[in-house]
């Protein structure tokens, strides 16, 4: 995982109110550092996602980001890279990367995303 300050692209669900809220919160915390993050709304972008090697359903259920070198990270790996770019979030990035914490958080994350998508009738 890279934690440098090169430009990354974050794929997010623009049809999800809480995802938009999370994006705005991140941008607020990141300040000028957020300029190195490009946001890509995955809504109706299945062909583009497939061209990048991202399964559209996975893009809907897991955070994905693309590093400057073109490699794609998903789920907690993506969150860790994103959080490491914001001073206030670096301790959280370290915490969620701990082997004893990571599997539990991954399970919890997937449960919450599934609940959100089911509640909105999108899954």
Protein backbone atom coordinates (compact mmCIF):
# COMPACT_ATOMS: atom_id res chain seq x y z
CA UNK A 1 0.00 0.00 0.00
CA UNK A 2 1.21 3.41 -0.93
CA UNK A 3 0.80 6.38 1.39
CA UNK A 4 2.53 9.01 -0.77
CA UNK A 5 0.75 12.18 -1.83
CA UNK A 6 0.34 11.40 -5.54
CA UNK A 7 -3.14 11.76 -7.01
CA UNK A 8 -5.53 8.89 -6.34
CA UNK A 9 -9.02 8.29 -7.68
CA UNK A 10 -11.72 7.21 -5.26
CA UNK A 11 -14.74 5.41 -6.66
CA UNK A 12 -17.84 6.23 -4.63
CA UNK A 13 -21.58 5.70 -4.84
CA UNK A 14 -23.02 9.09 -5.75
CA UNK A 15 -26.55 7.71 -5.39
CA UNK A 16 -25.91 7.13 -1.68
CA UNK A 17 -26.62 10.08 0.62
CA UNK A 18 -24.36 8.75 3.38
CA UNK A 19 -21.54 8.17 0.86
CA UNK A 20 -21.80 11.78 -0.27
CA UNK A 21 -21.83 12.90 3.35
CA UNK A 22 -18.73 10.78 4.08
CA UNK A 23 -16.97 12.28 1.04
CA UNK A 24 -17.71 15.84 2.21
CA UNK A 25 -16.52 15.02 5.72
CA UNK A 26 -13.27 13.61 4.32
CA UNK A 27 -12.75 16.67 2.11
CA UNK A 28 -13.29 18.93 5.11
CA UNK A 29 -10.74 17.03 7.21
CA UNK A 30 -8.26 16.76 4.35
CA UNK A 31 -8.25 20.48 3.56
CA UNK A 32 -5.71 21.28 0.84
CA UNK A 33 -4.47 17.70 1.02
CA UNK A 34 -7.79 16.66 -0.48
CA UNK A 35 -6.73 18.22 -3.77
CA UNK A 36 -4.74 15.05 -4.45
CA UNK A 37 -7.94 12.97 -4.34
CA UNK A 38 -10.16 12.74 -7.40
CA UNK A 39 -13.68 11.44 -6.82
CA UNK A 40 -15.44 9.29 -9.42
CA UNK A 41 -19.17 8.62 -9.10
CA UNK A 42 -19.79 4.98 -10.07
CA UNK A 43 -23.50 5.54 -10.80
CA UNK A 44 -24.26 4.21 -14.31
CA UNK A 45 -20.53 3.66 -14.96
CA UNK A 46 -20.47 -0.16 -15.19
CA UNK A 47 -18.58 -0.25 -18.52
CA UNK A 48 -15.87 2.07 -17.18
CA UNK A 49 -15.53 0.03 -13.99
CA UNK A 50 -15.27 -3.24 -15.94
CA UNK A 51 -12.60 -1.68 -18.18
CA UNK A 52 -10.60 -0.96 -15.02
CA UNK A 53 -11.09 -4.52 -13.75
CA UNK A 54 -13.61 -3.56 -11.07
CA UNK A 55 -16.75 -5.69 -10.78
CA UNK A 56 -19.67 -3.18 -10.66
CA UNK A 57 -21.41 -5.00 -7.78
CA UNK A 58 -18.15 -4.97 -5.82
CA UNK A 59 -17.79 -1.25 -6.53
CA UNK A 60 -21.23 -0.78 -5.00
CA UNK A 61 -20.46 -2.84 -1.90
CA UNK A 62 -16.80 -1.96 -1.27
CA UNK A 63 -14.77 1.23 -1.49
CA UNK A 64 -12.29 1.12 -4.38
CA UNK A 65 -9.50 3.49 -5.26
CA UNK A 66 -6.93 3.70 -8.00
CA UNK A 67 -3.36 4.67 -7.18
CA UNK A 68 -1.29 6.86 -9.47
CA UNK A 69 0.40 3.74 -10.88
CA UNK A 70 -3.01 2.40 -11.98
CA UNK A 71 -3.31 -0.33 -9.37
CA UNK A 72 -6.69 -0.77 -7.71
CA UNK A 73 -7.22 -1.25 -3.98
CA UNK A 74 -10.50 -2.14 -2.34
CA UNK A 75 -12.24 -2.45 0.99
CA UNK A 76 -10.08 -1.70 4.02
CA UNK A 77 -6.89 -1.37 1.95
CA UNK A 78 -8.56 1.54 0.15
CA UNK A 79 -9.74 3.14 3.40
CA UNK A 80 -6.27 2.83 4.91
CA UNK A 81 -4.61 4.63 1.98
CA UNK A 82 -7.27 7.33 2.03
CA UNK A 83 -7.01 7.86 5.79
CA UNK A 84 -3.21 7.97 5.80
CA UNK A 85 -3.43 11.15 3.72
CA UNK A 86 -5.12 13.07 6.55
CA UNK A 87 -3.10 13.74 9.70
CA UNK A 88 -6.12 13.35 12.00
CA UNK A 89 -7.05 10.01 10.42
CA UNK A 90 -3.59 8.40 10.43
CA UNK A 91 -4.07 6.80 13.87
CA UNK A 92 -7.37 5.33 12.70
CA UNK A 93 -5.69 3.97 9.55
CA UNK A 94 -3.11 2.26 11.74
CA UNK A 95 -5.81 0.87 14.06
CA UNK A 96 -7.94 -0.64 11.30
CA UNK A 97 -4.88 -2.25 9.74
CA UNK A 98 -4.13 -4.28 12.88
CA UNK A 99 -4.53 -8.01 12.15
CA UNK A 100 -6.72 -8.57 15.22
CA UNK A 101 -9.06 -5.68 14.33
CA UNK A 102 -9.17 -5.87 10.54
CA UNK A 103 -11.31 -9.04 10.05
CA UNK A 104 -13.93 -7.82 12.51
CA UNK A 105 -14.15 -4.40 10.86
CA UNK A 106 -14.35 -5.95 7.38
CA UNK A 107 -17.31 -8.08 8.47
CA UNK A 108 -19.02 -5.14 10.14
CA UNK A 109 -18.41 -2.93 7.09
CA UNK A 110 -19.99 -5.47 4.72
CA UNK A 111 -23.00 -5.92 7.00
CA UNK A 112 -23.64 -2.19 7.16
CA UNK A 113 -23.27 -1.71 3.41
CA UNK A 114 -25.66 -4.61 2.73
CA UNK A 115 -28.20 -3.10 5.16
CA UNK A 116 -27.91 0.31 3.48
CA UNK A 117 -28.37 -1.11 0.00
CA UNK A 118 -31.29 -3.32 1.06
CA UNK A 119 -33.00 -0.42 2.85
CA UNK A 120 -32.74 1.69 -0.30
CA UNK A 121 -33.96 -1.18 -2.51
CA UNK A 122 -30.72 -1.30 -4.46
CA UNK A 123 -29.77 -4.85 -3.44
